[in-house]
Amino acid sequence: MTQHTHESHPQIYARLKRAHGHLAKVIDMLNDQAPCTDIAQQLFAVEKAITNAKRALIHDHIDHCLSPANGAKETDVDDFKAITKYL
């Protein structure tokens, strides 16, 4: 497998590190028997951070690997990007 790095990877890495921190907080909160609403709020933050990281990665892949410069039609790429919000 070849090395495949994009300019967005450091930002995606940072998002995932934040998600990791939120998840660690959730685990601590469970051990400390924190209120369920507080735990749910932290779980929501984990979920959003991962979703945003995944979306950024997919959009970056579309922009760099499925770009019109690589033979894709720009309207096809735009349509594909639009549907990724449902991932």
C-alpha atoms as a PDB file:
ATOM      1  CA  MET A   1       0.000   0.000   0.000  1.00  0.00           C
ATOM      2  CA  THR A   2       1.337   3.439  -0.918  1.00  0.00           C
ATOM      3  CA  GLN A   3       1.569   6.431   1.390  1.00  0.00           C
ATOM      4  CA  HIS A   4      -1.470   8.634   0.841  1.00  0.00           C
ATOM      5  CA  THR A   5      -1.446  11.948   2.691  1.00  0.00           C
ATOM      6  CA  HIS A   6      -3.486  15.077   2.077  1.00  0.00           C
ATOM      7  CA  GLU A   7      -3.204  18.579   3.503  1.00  0.00           C
ATOM      8  CA  SER A   8      -6.383  17.984   5.536  1.00  0.00           C
ATOM      9  CA  HIS A   9      -4.988  14.980   7.426  1.00  0.00           C
ATOM     10  CA  PRO A  10      -3.521  17.055  10.292  1.00  0.00           C
ATOM     11  CA  GLN A  11      -6.916  18.717  10.840  1.00  0.00           C
ATOM     12  CA  ILE A  12      -8.662  15.351  10.734  1.00  0.00           C
ATOM     13  CA  TYR A  13      -6.112  13.998  13.183  1.00  0.00           C
ATOM     14  CA  ALA A  14      -6.859  16.921  15.519  1.00  0.00           C
ATOM     15  CA  ARG A  15     -10.610  16.235  15.308  1.00  0.00           C
ATOM     16  CA  LEU A  16     -10.051  12.601  16.192  1.00  0.00           C
ATOM     17  CA  LYS A  17      -7.785  13.535  19.098  1.00  0.00           C
ATOM     18  CA  ARG A  18     -10.606  15.749  20.403  1.00  0.00           C
ATOM     19  CA  ALA A  19     -13.031  12.845  20.024  1.00  0.00           C
ATOM     20  CA  HIS A  20     -10.572  10.665  21.905  1.00  0.00           C
ATOM     21  CA  GLY A  21     -10.503  13.209  24.724  1.00  0.00           C
ATOM     22  CA  HIS A  22     -14.295  13.383  24.849  1.00  0.00           C
ATOM     23  CA  LEU A  23     -14.512   9.599  24.936  1.00  0.00           C
ATOM     24  CA  ALA A  24     -12.002   9.402  27.779  1.00  0.00           C
ATOM     25  CA  LYS A  25     -14.167  11.943  29.616  1.00  0.00           C
ATOM     26  CA  VAL A  26     -17.256   9.759  29.067  1.00  0.00           C
ATOM     27  CA  ILE A  27     -15.464   6.743  30.524  1.00  0.00           C
ATOM     28  CA  ASP A  28     -14.412   8.774  33.551  1.00  0.00           C
ATOM     29  CA  MET A  29     -17.936  10.109  33.958  1.00  0.00           C
ATOM     30  CA  LEU A  30     -19.351   6.573  33.919  1.00  0.00           C
ATOM     31  CA  ASN A  31     -16.859   5.500  36.565  1.00  0.00           C
ATOM     32  CA  ASP A  32     -17.769   8.570  38.642  1.00  0.00           C
ATOM     33  CA  GLN A  33     -21.504   7.917  38.175  1.00  0.00           C
ATOM     34  CA  ALA A  34     -22.099  11.317  36.610  1.00  0.00           C
ATOM     35  CA  PRO A  35     -25.658  12.304  35.653  1.00  0.00           C
ATOM     36  CA  CYS A  36     -26.913  10.585  32.504  1.00  0.00           C
ATOM     37  CA  THR A  37     -27.658  13.896  30.793  1.00  0.00           C
ATOM     38  CA  ASP A  38     -24.036  14.974  31.218  1.00  0.00           C
ATOM     39  CA  ILE A  39     -22.805  11.643  29.866  1.00  0.00           C
ATOM     40  CA  ALA A  40     -25.187  11.879  26.913  1.00  0.00           C
ATOM     41  CA  GLN A  41     -23.885  15.370  26.150  1.00  0.00           C
ATOM     42  CA  GLN A  42     -20.294  14.106  26.061  1.00  0.00           C
ATOM     43  CA  LEU A  43     -21.288  11.118  23.912  1.00  0.00           C
ATOM     44  CA  PHE A  44     -22.935  13.543  21.521  1.00  0.00           C
ATOM     45  CA  ALA A  45     -19.656  15.475  21.319  1.00  0.00           C
ATOM     46  CA  VAL A  46     -17.775  12.243  20.552  1.00  0.00           C
ATOM     47  CA  GLU A  47     -20.239  11.310  17.852  1.00  0.00           C
ATOM     48  CA  LYS A  48     -20.141  14.769  16.236  1.00  0.00           C
ATOM     49  CA  ALA A  49     -16.336  14.894  16.285  1.00  0.00           C
ATOM     50  CA  ILE A  50     -16.090  11.501  14.578  1.00  0.00           C
ATOM     51  CA  THR A  51     -18.801  12.361  12.057  1.00  0.00           C
ATOM     52  CA  ASN A  52     -17.071  15.635  11.192  1.00  0.00           C
ATOM     53  CA  ALA A  53     -13.709  13.902  10.831  1.00  0.00           C
ATOM     54  CA  LYS A  54     -15.228  11.255   8.573  1.00  0.00           C
ATOM     55  CA  ARG A  55     -16.970  13.879   6.445  1.00  0.00           C
ATOM     56  CA  ALA A  56     -13.766  15.926   6.114  1.00  0.00           C
ATOM     57  CA  LEU A  57     -11.827  12.823   5.078  1.00  0.00           C
ATOM     58  CA  ILE A  58     -14.416  11.831   2.479  1.00  0.00           C
ATOM     59  CA  HIS A  59     -14.655  15.361   1.066  1.00  0.00           C
ATOM     60  CA  ASP A  60     -10.878  15.547   0.885  1.00  0.00           C
ATOM     61  CA  HIS A  61     -10.800  12.232  -0.957  1.00  0.00           C
ATOM     62  CA  ILE A  62     -13.433  13.478  -3.381  1.00  0.00           C
ATOM     63  CA  ASP A  63     -11.550  16.717  -3.997  1.00  0.00           C
ATOM     64  CA  HIS A  64      -8.174  15.095  -4.552  1.00  0.00           C
ATOM     65  CA  CYS A  65      -8.878  11.618  -5.853  1.00  0.00           C
ATOM     66  CA  LEU A  66     -12.164  12.054  -7.717  1.00  0.00           C
ATOM     67  CA  SER A  67     -11.508  15.533  -9.042  1.00  0.00           C
ATOM     68  CA  PRO A  68     -12.251  16.716 -12.566  1.00  0.00           C
ATOM     69  CA  ALA A  69      -8.482  16.759 -13.093  1.00  0.00           C
ATOM     70  CA  ASN A  70      -8.655  12.982 -12.678  1.00  0.00           C
ATOM     71  CA  GLY A  71     -11.478  12.615 -15.232  1.00  0.00           C
ATOM     72  CA  ALA A  72     -14.605  13.166 -13.120  1.00  0.00           C
ATOM     73  CA  LYS A  73     -17.230  15.687 -14.160  1.00  0.00           C
ATOM     74  CA  GLU A  74     -17.488  18.612 -11.744  1.00  0.00           C
ATOM     75  CA  THR A  75     -21.288  18.229 -11.465  1.00  0.00           C
ATOM     76  CA  ASP A  76     -20.858  14.556 -10.555  1.00  0.00           C
ATOM     77  CA  VAL A  77     -18.353  15.480  -7.841  1.00  0.00           C
ATOM     78  CA  ASP A  78     -20.700  18.174  -6.453  1.00  0.00           C
ATOM     79  CA  ASP A  79     -23.613  15.735  -6.388  1.00  0.00           C
ATOM     80  CA  PHE A  80     -21.488  13.115  -4.673  1.00  0.00           C
ATOM     81  CA  LYS A  81     -20.324  15.622  -2.064  1.00  0.00           C
ATOM     82  CA  ALA A  82     -23.919  16.679  -1.407  1.00  0.00           C
ATOM     83  CA  ILE A  83     -25.052  13.133  -0.689  1.00  0.00           C
ATOM     84  CA  THR A  84     -22.214  12.487   1.761  1.00  0.00           C
ATOM     85  CA  LYS A  85     -24.064  14.559   4.371  1.00  0.00           C
ATOM     86  CA  TYR A  86     -26.217  11.481   4.860  1.00  0.00           C
ATOM     87  CA  LEU A  87     -23.271   9.265   5.802  1.00  0.00           C
END
